């Protein structure tokens, strides 16, 4: 099957118009893809905030009082500890309570 065109200039013009139309369609597809990417980013951000809020609600806040006896967690044994090592040391007595959960203790 062969394509013949009576006027060569009209054939080239039609070819250029189809390229222009294809270029416009490609630009629309790229814009749509960009919108989908931004929507996915926003959904991811919303999910992270929601997950953080849930996990933060599970964290138990301990309120210590002056004179209270507490145990201290030895993080070195928690990472490299064995079965027979105690991960908690103490008891210690709370001397002073500072803001943001900071506590001064003595043996």
PDB file of N, CA and C in Angstrom:
ATOM      1  N   UNK A   1       0.849  -1.159   0.000  1.00  0.00           N
ATOM      2  CA  UNK A   1       0.000   0.000   0.000  1.00  0.00           C
ATOM      3  C   UNK A   1       0.899   1.228   0.000  1.00  0.00           C
ATOM      4  N   UNK A   2       0.688   2.092  -0.902  1.00  0.00           N
ATOM      5  CA  UNK A   2       1.522   3.279  -0.978  1.00  0.00           C
ATOM      6  C   UNK A   2       0.659   4.513  -0.784  1.00  0.00           C
ATOM      7  N   UNK A   3       1.273   5.531  -0.229  1.00  0.00           N
ATOM      8  CA  UNK A   3       0.575   6.793   0.017  1.00  0.00           C
ATOM      9  C   UNK A   3       1.072   7.796  -0.995  1.00  0.00           C
ATOM     10  N   UNK A   4       0.143   8.398  -1.681  1.00  0.00           N
ATOM     11  CA  UNK A   4       0.531   9.416  -2.657  1.00  0.00           C
ATOM     12  C   UNK A   4      -0.147  10.700  -2.302  1.00  0.00           C
ATOM     13  N   UNK A   5       0.576  11.754  -2.493  1.00  0.00           N
ATOM     14  CA  UNK A   5       0.046  13.069  -2.198  1.00  0.00           C
ATOM     15  C   UNK A   5       0.254  13.921  -3.441  1.00  0.00           C
ATOM     16  N   UNK A   6      -0.791  14.592  -3.858  1.00  0.00           N
ATOM     17  CA  UNK A   6      -0.699  15.382  -5.078  1.00  0.00           C
ATOM     18  C   UNK A   6       0.234  16.561  -4.931  1.00  0.00           C
ATOM     19  N   UNK A   7       0.170  17.227  -3.819  1.00  0.00           N
ATOM     20  CA  UNK A   7       1.016  18.406  -3.618  1.00  0.00           C
ATOM     21  C   UNK A   7       2.004  18.099  -2.501  1.00  0.00           C
ATOM     22  N   UNK A   8       3.275  18.159  -2.799  1.00  0.00           N
ATOM     23  CA  UNK A   8       4.318  17.808  -1.835  1.00  0.00           C
ATOM     24  C   UNK A   8       4.290  18.754  -0.635  1.00  0.00           C
ATOM     25  N   UNK A   9       4.026  20.012  -0.839  1.00  0.00           N
ATOM     26  CA  UNK A   9       3.990  20.996   0.248  1.00  0.00           C
ATOM     27  C   UNK A   9       2.869  20.658   1.232  1.00  0.00           C
ATOM     28  N   UNK A  10       1.705  20.231   0.722  1.00  0.00           N
ATOM     29  CA  UNK A  10       0.602  19.877   1.613  1.00  0.00           C
ATOM     30  C   UNK A  10       0.923  18.626   2.423  1.00  0.00           C
ATOM     31  N   UNK A  11       1.611  17.690   1.810  1.00  0.00           N
ATOM     32  CA  UNK A  11       2.011  16.478   2.540  1.00  0.00           C
ATOM     33  C   UNK A  11       2.955  16.821   3.695  1.00  0.00           C
ATOM     34  N   UNK A  12       3.938  17.661   3.447  1.00  0.00           N
ATOM     35  CA  UNK A  12       4.876  18.069   4.496  1.00  0.00           C
ATOM     36  C   UNK A  12       4.172  18.862   5.586  1.00  0.00           C
ATOM     37  N   UNK A  13       3.209  19.709   5.179  1.00  0.00           N
ATOM     38  CA  UNK A  13       2.463  20.500   6.148  1.00  0.00           C
ATOM     39  C   UNK A  13       1.649  19.576   7.065  1.00  0.00           C
ATOM     40  N   UNK A  14       1.015  18.566   6.466  1.00  0.00           N
ATOM     41  CA  UNK A  14       0.253  17.610   7.261  1.00  0.00           C
ATOM     42  C   UNK A  14       1.147  16.833   8.214  1.00  0.00           C
ATOM     43  N   UNK A  15       2.328  16.474   7.762  1.00  0.00           N
ATOM     44  CA  UNK A  15       3.281  15.771   8.608  1.00  0.00           C
ATOM     45  C   UNK A  15       3.714  16.645   9.770  1.00  0.00           C
ATOM     46  N   UNK A  16       3.978  17.924   9.516  1.00  0.00           N
ATOM     47  CA  UNK A  16       4.376  18.860  10.568  1.00  0.00           C
ATOM     48  C   UNK A  16       3.248  19.067  11.565  1.00  0.00           C
ATOM     49  N   UNK A  17       2.009  19.142  11.062  1.00  0.00           N
ATOM     50  CA  UNK A  17       0.875  19.310  11.969  1.00  0.00           C
ATOM     51  C   UNK A  17       0.722  18.096  12.883  1.00  0.00           C
ATOM     52  N   UNK A  18       0.934  16.913  12.327  1.00  0.00           N
ATOM     53  CA  UNK A  18       0.829  15.726  13.176  1.00  0.00           C
ATOM     54  C   UNK A  18       1.952  15.693  14.207  1.00  0.00           C
ATOM     55  N   UNK A  19       3.132  16.175  13.859  1.00  0.00           N
ATOM     56  CA  UNK A  19       4.228  16.258  14.845  1.00  0.00           C
ATOM     57  C   UNK A  19       3.901  17.274  15.925  1.00  0.00           C
ATOM     58  N   UNK A  20       3.323  18.403  15.529  1.00  0.00           N
ATOM     59  CA  UNK A  20       2.944  19.416  16.513  1.00  0.00           C
ATOM     60  C   UNK A  20       1.874  18.872  17.456  1.00  0.00           C
ATOM     61  N   UNK A  21       0.899  18.153  16.890  1.00  0.00           N
ATOM     62  CA  UNK A  21      -0.170  17.576  17.699  1.00  0.00           C
ATOM     63  C   UNK A  21       0.417  16.537  18.658  1.00  0.00           C
ATOM     64  N   UNK A  22       1.334  15.725  18.182  1.00  0.00           N
ATOM     65  CA  UNK A  22       1.975  14.716  19.037  1.00  0.00           C
ATOM     66  C   UNK A  22       2.786  15.385  20.139  1.00  0.00           C
ATOM     67  N   UNK A  23       3.452  16.497  19.797  1.00  0.00           N
ATOM     68  CA  UNK A  23       4.221  17.227  20.808  1.00  0.00           C
ATOM     69  C   UNK A  23       3.325  17.796  21.890  1.00  0.00           C
ATOM     70  N   UNK A  24       2.155  18.328  21.488  1.00  0.00           N
ATOM     71  CA  UNK A  24       1.210  18.861  22.475  1.00  0.00           C
ATOM     72  C   UNK A  24       0.670  17.746  23.375  1.00  0.00           C
ATOM     73  N   UNK A  25       0.359  16.600  22.769  1.00  0.00           N
ATOM     74  CA  UNK A  25      -0.125  15.473  23.569  1.00  0.00           C
ATOM     75  C   UNK A  25       0.939  15.013  24.563  1.00  0.00           C
ATOM     76  N   UNK A  26       2.174  15.013  24.131  1.00  0.00           N
ATOM     77  CA  UNK A  26       3.272  14.605  25.021  1.00  0.00           C
ATOM     78  C   UNK A  26       3.421  15.586  26.186  1.00  0.00           C
ATOM     79  N   UNK A  27       3.264  16.879  25.893  1.00  0.00           N
ATOM     80  CA  UNK A  27       3.333  17.884  26.968  1.00  0.00           C
ATOM     81  C   UNK A  27       2.205  17.673  27.961  1.00  0.00           C
ATOM     82  N   UNK A  28       1.005  17.373  27.465  1.00  0.00           N
ATOM     83  CA  UNK A  28      -0.120  17.120  28.368  1.00  0.00           C
ATOM     84  C   UNK A  28       0.133  15.881  29.221  1.00  0.00           C
ATOM     85  N   UNK A  29       0.699  14.839  28.611  1.00  0.00           N
ATOM     86  CA  UNK A  29       1.009  13.631  29.372  1.00  0.00           C
ATOM     87  C   UNK A  29       2.050  13.912  30.451  1.00  0.00           C
ATOM     88  N   UNK A  30       3.050  14.717  30.140  1.00  0.00           N
ATOM     89  CA  UNK A  30       4.082  15.047  31.132  1.00  0.00           C
ATOM     90  C   UNK A  30       3.491  15.867  32.275  1.00  0.00           C
ATOM     91  N   UNK A  31       2.590  16.805  31.945  1.00  0.00           N
ATOM     92  CA  UNK A  31       1.944  17.596  32.992  1.00  0.00           C
ATOM     93  C   UNK A  31       1.082  16.718  33.888  1.00  0.00           C
ATOM     94  N   UNK A  32       0.367  15.776  33.272  1.00  0.00           N
ATOM     95  CA  UNK A  32      -0.463  14.864  34.049  1.00  0.00           C
ATOM     96  C   UNK A  32       0.403  13.985  34.950  1.00  0.00           C
ATOM     97  N   UNK A  33       1.518  13.532  34.437  1.00  0.00           N
ATOM     98  CA  UNK A  33       2.437  12.714  35.228  1.00  0.00           C
ATOM     99  C   UNK A  33       3.000  13.506  36.411  1.00  0.00           C
ATOM    100  N   UNK A  34       3.290  14.769  36.180  1.00  0.00           N
ATOM    101  CA  UNK A  34       3.796  15.632  37.247  1.00  0.00           C
ATOM    102  C   UNK A  34       2.735  15.820  38.328  1.00  0.00           C
ATOM    103  N   UNK A  35       1.476  15.993  37.930  1.00  0.00           N
ATOM    104  CA  UNK A  35       0.389  16.133  38.902  1.00  0.00           C
ATOM    105  C   UNK A  35       0.225  14.856  39.717  1.00  0.00           C
ATOM    106  N   UNK A  36       0.330  13.704  39.072  1.00  0.00           N
ATOM    107  CA  UNK A  36       0.223  12.429  39.783  1.00  0.00           C
ATOM    108  C   UNK A  36       1.370  12.284  40.778  1.00  0.00           C
ATOM    109  N   UNK A  37       2.570  12.702  40.398  1.00  0.00           N
ATOM    110  CA  UNK A  37       3.734  12.620  41.288  1.00  0.00           C
ATOM    111  C   UNK A  37       3.537  13.505  42.509  1.00  0.00           C
ATOM    112  N   UNK A  38       3.027  14.730  42.294  1.00  0.00           N
ATOM    113  CA  UNK A  38       2.792  15.639  43.419  1.00  0.00           C
ATOM    114  C   UNK A  38       1.715  15.099  44.357  1.00  0.00           C
ATOM    115  N   UNK A  39       0.688  14.498  43.786  1.00  0.00           N
ATOM    116  CA  UNK A  39      -0.374  13.918  44.609  1.00  0.00           C
ATOM    117  C   UNK A  39       0.166  12.757  45.437  1.00  0.00           C
ATOM    118  N   UNK A  40       1.016  11.930  44.837  1.00  0.00           N
ATOM    119  CA  UNK A  40       1.620  10.815  45.574  1.00  0.00           C
ATOM    120  C   UNK A  40       2.513  11.333  46.698  1.00  0.00           C
ATOM    121  N   UNK A  41       3.247  12.416  46.440  1.00  0.00           N
ATOM    122  CA  UNK A  41       4.106  13.003  47.476  1.00  0.00           C
ATOM    123  C   UNK A  41       3.258  13.510  48.634  1.00  0.00           C
ATOM    124  N   UNK A  42       2.153  14.185  48.331  1.00  0.00           N
ATOM    125  CA  UNK A  42       1.282  14.695  49.391  1.00  0.00           C
ATOM    126  C   UNK A  42       0.668  13.551  50.191  1.00  0.00           C
ATOM    127  N   UNK A  43       0.251  12.479  49.507  1.00  0.00           N
ATOM    128  CA  UNK A  43      -0.320  11.327  50.203  1.00  0.00           C
ATOM    129  C   UNK A  43       0.724  10.672  51.109  1.00  0.00           C
ATOM    130  N   UNK A  44       1.960  10.595  50.639  1.00  0.00           N
ATOM    131  CA  UNK A  44       3.036  10.021  51.441  1.00  0.00           C
ATOM    132  C   UNK A  44       3.299  10.866  52.681  1.00  0.00           C
ATOM    133  N   UNK A  45       3.296  12.170  52.502  1.00  0.00           N
ATOM    134  CA  UNK A  45       3.517  13.086  53.626  1.00  0.00           C
ATOM    135  C   UNK A  45       2.397  12.942  54.661  1.00  0.00           C
ATOM    136  N   UNK A  46       1.156  12.851  54.191  1.00  0.00           N
ATOM    137  CA  UNK A  46       0.009  12.680  55.087  1.00  0.00           C
ATOM    138  C   UNK A  46       0.125  11.362  55.850  1.00  0.00           C
ATOM    139  N   UNK A  47       0.518  10.275  55.162  1.00  0.00           N
ATOM    140  CA  UNK A  47       0.664   8.974  55.796  1.00  0.00           C
ATOM    141  C   UNK A  47       1.748   9.013  56.870  1.00  0.00           C
ATOM    142  N   UNK A  48       2.880   9.663  56.568  1.00  0.00           N
ATOM    143  CA  UNK A  48       3.970   9.744  57.547  1.00  0.00           C
ATOM    144  C   UNK A  48       3.529  10.500  58.790  1.00  0.00           C
ATOM    145  N   UNK A  49       2.798  11.607  58.609  1.00  0.00           N
ATOM    146  CA  UNK A  49       2.329  12.380  59.764  1.00  0.00           C
ATOM    147  C   UNK A  49       1.367  11.558  60.613  1.00  0.00           C
ATOM    148  N   UNK A  50       0.455  10.843  59.947  1.00  0.00           N
ATOM    149  CA  UNK A  50      -0.526  10.032  60.660  1.00  0.00           C
ATOM    150  C   UNK A  50       0.156   8.900  61.427  1.00  0.00           C
ATOM    151  N   UNK A  51       1.142   8.241  60.791  1.00  0.00           N
ATOM    152  CA  UNK A  51       1.871   7.154  61.433  1.00  0.00           C
ATOM    153  C   UNK A  51       2.678   7.660  62.625  1.00  0.00           C
ATOM    154  N   UNK A  52       3.328   8.815  62.469  1.00  0.00           N
ATOM    155  CA  UNK A  52       4.104   9.395  63.573  1.00  0.00           C
ATOM    156  C   UNK A  52       3.198   9.725  64.757  1.00  0.00           C
ATOM    157  N   UNK A  53       2.036  10.296  64.472  1.00  0.00           N
ATOM    158  CA  UNK A  53       1.096  10.634  65.542  1.00  0.00           C
ATOM    159  C   UNK A  53       0.659   9.375  66.295  1.00  0.00           C
ATOM    160  N   UNK A  54       0.405   8.288  65.547  1.00  0.00           N
ATOM    161  CA  UNK A  54       0.000   7.034  66.178  1.00  0.00           C
ATOM    162  C   UNK A  54       1.116   6.479  67.052  1.00  0.00           C
ATOM    163  N   UNK A  55       2.342   6.435  66.533  1.00  0.00           N
ATOM    164  CA  UNK A  55       3.458   5.885  67.308  1.00  0.00           C
ATOM    165  C   UNK A  55       3.782   6.755  68.517  1.00  0.00           C
ATOM    166  N   UNK A  56       3.667   8.075  68.376  1.00  0.00           N
ATOM    167  CA  UNK A  56       3.918   8.955  69.512  1.00  0.00           C
ATOM    168  C   UNK A  56       2.875   8.759  70.604  1.00  0.00           C
ATOM    169  N   UNK A  57       1.653   8.377  70.212  1.00  0.00           N
ATOM    170  CA  UNK A  57       0.626   8.152  71.233  1.00  0.00           C
ATOM    171  C   UNK A  57       0.910   6.892  72.052  1.00  0.00           C
ATOM    172  N   UNK A  58       1.708   5.969  71.494  1.00  0.00           N
ATOM    173  CA  UNK A  58       2.036   4.736  72.211  1.00  0.00           C
ATOM    174  C   UNK A  58       3.178   4.901  73.203  1.00  0.00           C
ATOM    175  N   UNK A  59       3.929   5.989  73.079  1.00  0.00           N
ATOM    176  CA  UNK A  59       5.052   6.211  73.984  1.00  0.00           C
ATOM    177  C   UNK A  59       4.524   6.605  75.357  1.00  0.00           C
ATOM    178  N   UNK A  60       4.947   5.870  76.375  1.00  0.00           N
ATOM    179  CA  UNK A  60       4.505   6.141  77.734  1.00  0.00           C
ATOM    180  C   UNK A  60       5.381   7.223  78.344  1.00  0.00           C
ATOM    181  N   UNK A  61       4.745   8.245  78.841  1.00  0.00           N
ATOM    182  CA  UNK A  61       5.472   9.326  79.515  1.00  0.00           C
ATOM    183  C   UNK A  61       5.541   9.006  81.010  1.00  0.00           C
ATOM    184  N   UNK A  62       6.745   8.929  81.534  1.00  0.00           N
ATOM    185  CA  UNK A  62       6.929   8.646  82.955  1.00  0.00           C
ATOM    186  C   UNK A  62       7.141   9.957  83.691  1.00  0.00           C
ATOM    187  N   UNK A  63       6.356  10.157  84.722  1.00  0.00           N
ATOM    188  CA  UNK A  63       6.508  11.328  85.585  1.00  0.00           C
ATOM    189  C   UNK A  63       7.202  10.869  86.855  1.00  0.00           C
ATOM    190  N   UNK A  64       8.436  11.326  87.072  1.00  0.00           N
ATOM    191  CA  UNK A  64       9.192  10.947  88.251  1.00  0.00           C
ATOM    192  C   UNK A  64       9.053  12.012  89.316  1.00  0.00           C
ATOM    193  N   UNK A  65       9.048  11.570  90.574  1.00  0.00           N
ATOM    194  CA  UNK A  65       8.938  12.475  91.716  1.00  0.00           C
ATOM    195  C   UNK A  65      10.259  12.430  92.490  1.00  0.00           C
ATOM    196  N   UNK A  66      10.591  13.538  93.143  1.00  0.00           N
ATOM    197  CA  UNK A  66      11.800  13.599  93.961  1.00  0.00           C
ATOM    198  C   UNK A  66      11.663  12.595  95.103  1.00  0.00           C
ATOM    199  N   UNK A  67      12.706  11.792  95.322  1.00  0.00           N
ATOM    200  CA  UNK A  67      12.704  10.773  96.364  1.00  0.00           C
ATOM    201  C   UNK A  67      12.264   9.403  95.866  1.00  0.00           C
ATOM    202  N   UNK A  68      11.777   9.324  94.670  1.00  0.00           N
ATOM    203  CA  UNK A  68      11.327   8.059  94.102  1.00  0.00           C
ATOM    204  C   UNK A  68      12.523   7.194  93.719  1.00  0.00           C
ATOM    205  N   UNK A  69      12.415   5.866  93.908  1.00  0.00           N
ATOM    206  CA  UNK A  69      13.479   4.951  93.515  1.00  0.00           C
ATOM    207  C   UNK A  69      13.223   4.493  92.078  1.00  0.00           C
ATOM    208  N   UNK A  70      14.315   4.498  91.284  1.00  0.00           N
ATOM    209  CA  UNK A  70      14.203   4.132  89.869  1.00  0.00           C
ATOM    210  C   UNK A  70      15.350   3.202  89.495  1.00  0.00           C
ATOM    211  N   UNK A  71      15.195   2.483  88.381  1.00  0.00           N
ATOM    212  CA  UNK A  71      16.249   1.658  87.804  1.00  0.00           C
ATOM    213  C   UNK A  71      16.772   2.361  86.560  1.00  0.00           C
ATOM    214  N   UNK A  72      18.059   2.179  86.284  1.00  0.00           N
ATOM    215  CA  UNK A  72      18.696   2.789  85.120  1.00  0.00           C
ATOM    216  C   UNK A  72      18.986   1.705  84.089  1.00  0.00           C
ATOM    217  N   UNK A  73      18.608   1.956  82.848  1.00  0.00           N
ATOM    218  CA  UNK A  73      18.825   0.999  81.766  1.00  0.00           C
ATOM    219  C   UNK A  73      20.240   1.154  81.242  1.00  0.00           C
ATOM    220  N   UNK A  74      20.995   0.054  81.220  1.00  0.00           N
ATOM    221  CA  UNK A  74      22.357   0.071  80.709  1.00  0.00           C
ATOM    222  C   UNK A  74      22.297  -0.276  79.223  1.00  0.00           C
ATOM    223  N   UNK A  75      22.365   0.737  78.378  1.00  0.00           N
ATOM    224  CA  UNK A  75      22.171   0.527  76.945  1.00  0.00           C
ATOM    225  C   UNK A  75      23.293  -0.293  76.321  1.00  0.00           C
ATOM    226  N   UNK A  76      24.478  -0.300  76.904  1.00  0.00           N
ATOM    227  CA  UNK A  76      25.574  -1.099  76.349  1.00  0.00           C
ATOM    228  C   UNK A  76      25.257  -2.585  76.445  1.00  0.00           C
ATOM    229  N   UNK A  77      24.641  -2.984  77.545  1.00  0.00           N
ATOM    230  CA  UNK A  77      24.269  -4.380  77.686  1.00  0.00           C
ATOM    231  C   UNK A  77      23.038  -4.709  76.858  1.00  0.00           C
ATOM    232  N   UNK A  78      22.225  -3.721  76.561  1.00  0.00           N
ATOM    233  CA  UNK A  78      21.045  -3.945  75.738  1.00  0.00           C
ATOM    234  C   UNK A  78      21.414  -4.281  74.318  1.00  0.00           C
ATOM    235  N   UNK A  79      22.481  -3.686  73.815  1.00  0.00           N
ATOM    236  CA  UNK A  79      22.904  -3.943  72.448  1.00  0.00           C
ATOM    237  C   UNK A  79      23.749  -5.203  72.370  1.00  0.00           C
ATOM    238  N   UNK A  80      24.709  -5.353  73.268  1.00  0.00           N
ATOM    239  CA  UNK A  80      25.657  -6.462  73.201  1.00  0.00           C
ATOM    240  C   UNK A  80      25.478  -7.458  74.351  1.00  0.00           C
ATOM    241  N   UNK A  81      24.364  -7.374  75.054  1.00  0.00           N
ATOM    242  CA  UNK A  81      24.199  -8.212  76.237  1.00  0.00           C
ATOM    243  C   UNK A  81      23.902  -9.659  75.915  1.00  0.00           C
ATOM    244  N   UNK A  82      24.165 -10.492  76.887  1.00  0.00           N
ATOM    245  CA  UNK A  82      23.872 -11.912  76.749  1.00  0.00           C
ATOM    246  C   UNK A  82      22.704 -12.284  77.642  1.00  0.00           C
ATOM    247  N   UNK A  83      22.494 -13.572  77.788  1.00  0.00           N
ATOM    248  CA  UNK A  83      21.359 -14.041  78.583  1.00  0.00           C
ATOM    249  C   UNK A  83      21.503 -13.703  80.065  1.00  0.00           C
ATOM    250  N   UNK A  84      22.715 -13.807  80.594  1.00  0.00           N
ATOM    251  CA  UNK A  84      22.904 -13.676  82.041  1.00  0.00           C
ATOM    252  C   UNK A  84      23.321 -12.276  82.487  1.00  0.00           C
ATOM    253  N   UNK A  85      23.342 -11.324  81.593  1.00  0.00           N
ATOM    254  CA  UNK A  85      23.697  -9.951  81.968  1.00  0.00           C
ATOM    255  C   UNK A  85      22.435  -9.174  82.317  1.00  0.00           C
ATOM    256  N   UNK A  86      22.521  -8.403  83.402  1.00  0.00           N
ATOM    257  CA  UNK A  86      21.396  -7.563  83.788  1.00  0.00           C
ATOM    258  C   UNK A  86      21.433  -6.275  82.979  1.00  0.00           C
ATOM    259  N   UNK A  87      20.331  -5.940  82.360  1.00  0.00           N
ATOM    260  CA  UNK A  87      20.259  -4.724  81.549  1.00  0.00           C
ATOM    261  C   UNK A  87      19.865  -3.504  82.369  1.00  0.00           C
ATOM    262  N   UNK A  88      19.379  -3.734  83.575  1.00  0.00           N
ATOM    263  CA  UNK A  88      18.957  -2.639  84.448  1.00  0.00           C
ATOM    264  C   UNK A  88      19.866  -2.621  85.668  1.00  0.00           C
ATOM    265  N   UNK A  89      20.298  -1.428  86.063  1.00  0.00           N
ATOM    266  CA  UNK A  89      21.136  -1.286  87.253  1.00  0.00           C
ATOM    267  C   UNK A  89      20.440  -0.342  88.216  1.00  0.00           C
ATOM    268  N   UNK A  90      20.749  -0.487  89.476  1.00  0.00           N
ATOM    269  CA  UNK A  90      20.145   0.399  90.456  1.00  0.00           C
ATOM    270  C   UNK A  90      19.782  -0.376  91.698  1.00  0.00           C
ATOM    271  N   UNK A  91      18.985   0.126  92.555  1.00  0.00           N
ATOM    272  CA  UNK A  91      18.109   1.287  92.405  1.00  0.00           C
ATOM    273  C   UNK A  91      18.827   2.604  92.680  1.00  0.00           C
ATOM    274  N   UNK A  92      18.312   3.655  92.067  1.00  0.00           N
ATOM    275  CA  UNK A  92      18.793   5.010  92.275  1.00  0.00           C
ATOM    276  C   UNK A  92      17.649   5.841  92.836  1.00  0.00           C
ATOM    277  N   UNK A  93      18.014   6.938  93.510  1.00  0.00           N
ATOM    278  CA  UNK A  93      17.014   7.842  94.081  1.00  0.00           C
ATOM    279  C   UNK A  93      16.996   9.116  93.248  1.00  0.00           C
ATOM    280  N   UNK A  94      15.800   9.581  92.902  1.00  0.00           N
ATOM    281  CA  UNK A  94      15.643  10.809  92.113  1.00  0.00           C
ATOM    282  C   UNK A  94      15.919  12.002  93.019  1.00  0.00           C
ATOM    283  N   UNK A  95      16.886  12.842  92.628  1.00  0.00           N
ATOM    284  CA  UNK A  95      17.242  14.031  93.399  1.00  0.00           C
ATOM    285  C   UNK A  95      16.503  15.253  92.886  1.00  0.00           C
ATOM    286  N   UNK A  96      16.480  15.422  91.568  1.00  0.00           N
ATOM    287  CA  UNK A  96      15.894  16.619  90.977  1.00  0.00           C
ATOM    288  C   UNK A  96      15.247  16.252  89.647  1.00  0.00           C
ATOM    289  N   UNK A  97      14.118  16.889  89.335  1.00  0.00           N
ATOM    290  CA  UNK A  97      13.420  16.660  88.072  1.00  0.00           C
ATOM    291  C   UNK A  97      13.443  17.966  87.287  1.00  0.00           C
ATOM    292  N   UNK A  98      13.988  17.904  86.073  1.00  0.00           N
ATOM    293  CA  UNK A  98      14.078  19.065  85.190  1.00  0.00           C
ATOM    294  C   UNK A  98      13.018  18.957  84.092  1.00  0.00           C
ATOM    295  N   UNK A  99      12.793  20.047  83.353  1.00  0.00           N
ATOM    296  CA  UNK A  99      11.831  19.968  82.252  1.00  0.00           C
ATOM    297  C   UNK A  99      12.286  18.989  81.160  1.00  0.00           C
ATOM    298  N   UNK A 100      11.320  18.575  80.331  1.00  0.00           N
ATOM    299  CA  UNK A 100      11.545  17.700  79.164  1.00  0.00           C
ATOM    300  C   UNK A 100      12.049  16.314  79.566  1.00  0.00           C
ATOM    301  N   UNK A 101      11.699  15.828  80.757  1.00  0.00           N
ATOM    302  CA  UNK A 101      12.014  14.475  81.140  1.00  0.00           C
ATOM    303  C   UNK A 101      13.415  14.230  81.661  1.00  0.00           C
ATOM    304  N   UNK A 102      14.186  15.258  81.935  1.00  0.00           N
ATOM    305  CA  UNK A 102      15.546  15.082  82.445  1.00  0.00           C
ATOM    306  C   UNK A 102      15.471  14.907  83.961  1.00  0.00           C
ATOM    307  N   UNK A 103      16.166  13.878  84.458  1.00  0.00           N
ATOM    308  CA  UNK A 103      16.111  13.548  85.880  1.00  0.00           C
ATOM    309  C   UNK A 103      17.536  13.405  86.405  1.00  0.00           C
ATOM    310  N   UNK A 104      17.797  13.976  87.581  1.00  0.00           N
ATOM    311  CA  UNK A 104      19.084  13.819  88.253  1.00  0.00           C
ATOM    312  C   UNK A 104      18.911  12.740  89.312  1.00  0.00           C
ATOM    313  N   UNK A 105      19.845  11.751  89.317  1.00  0.00           N
ATOM    314  CA  UNK A 105      19.735  10.639  90.252  1.00  0.00           C
ATOM    315  C   UNK A 105      21.022  10.461  91.013  1.00  0.00           C
ATOM    316  N   UNK A 106      20.932   9.765  92.163  1.00  0.00           N
ATOM    317  CA  UNK A 106      22.136   9.375  92.916  1.00  0.00           C
ATOM    318  C   UNK A 106      21.924   7.963  93.429  1.00  0.00           C
ATOM    319  N   UNK A 107      23.049   7.296  93.694  1.00  0.00           N
ATOM    320  CA  UNK A 107      22.998   5.910  94.125  1.00  0.00           C
ATOM    321  C   UNK A 107      22.590   5.814  95.574  1.00  0.00           C
TER     322      UNK A 107
END
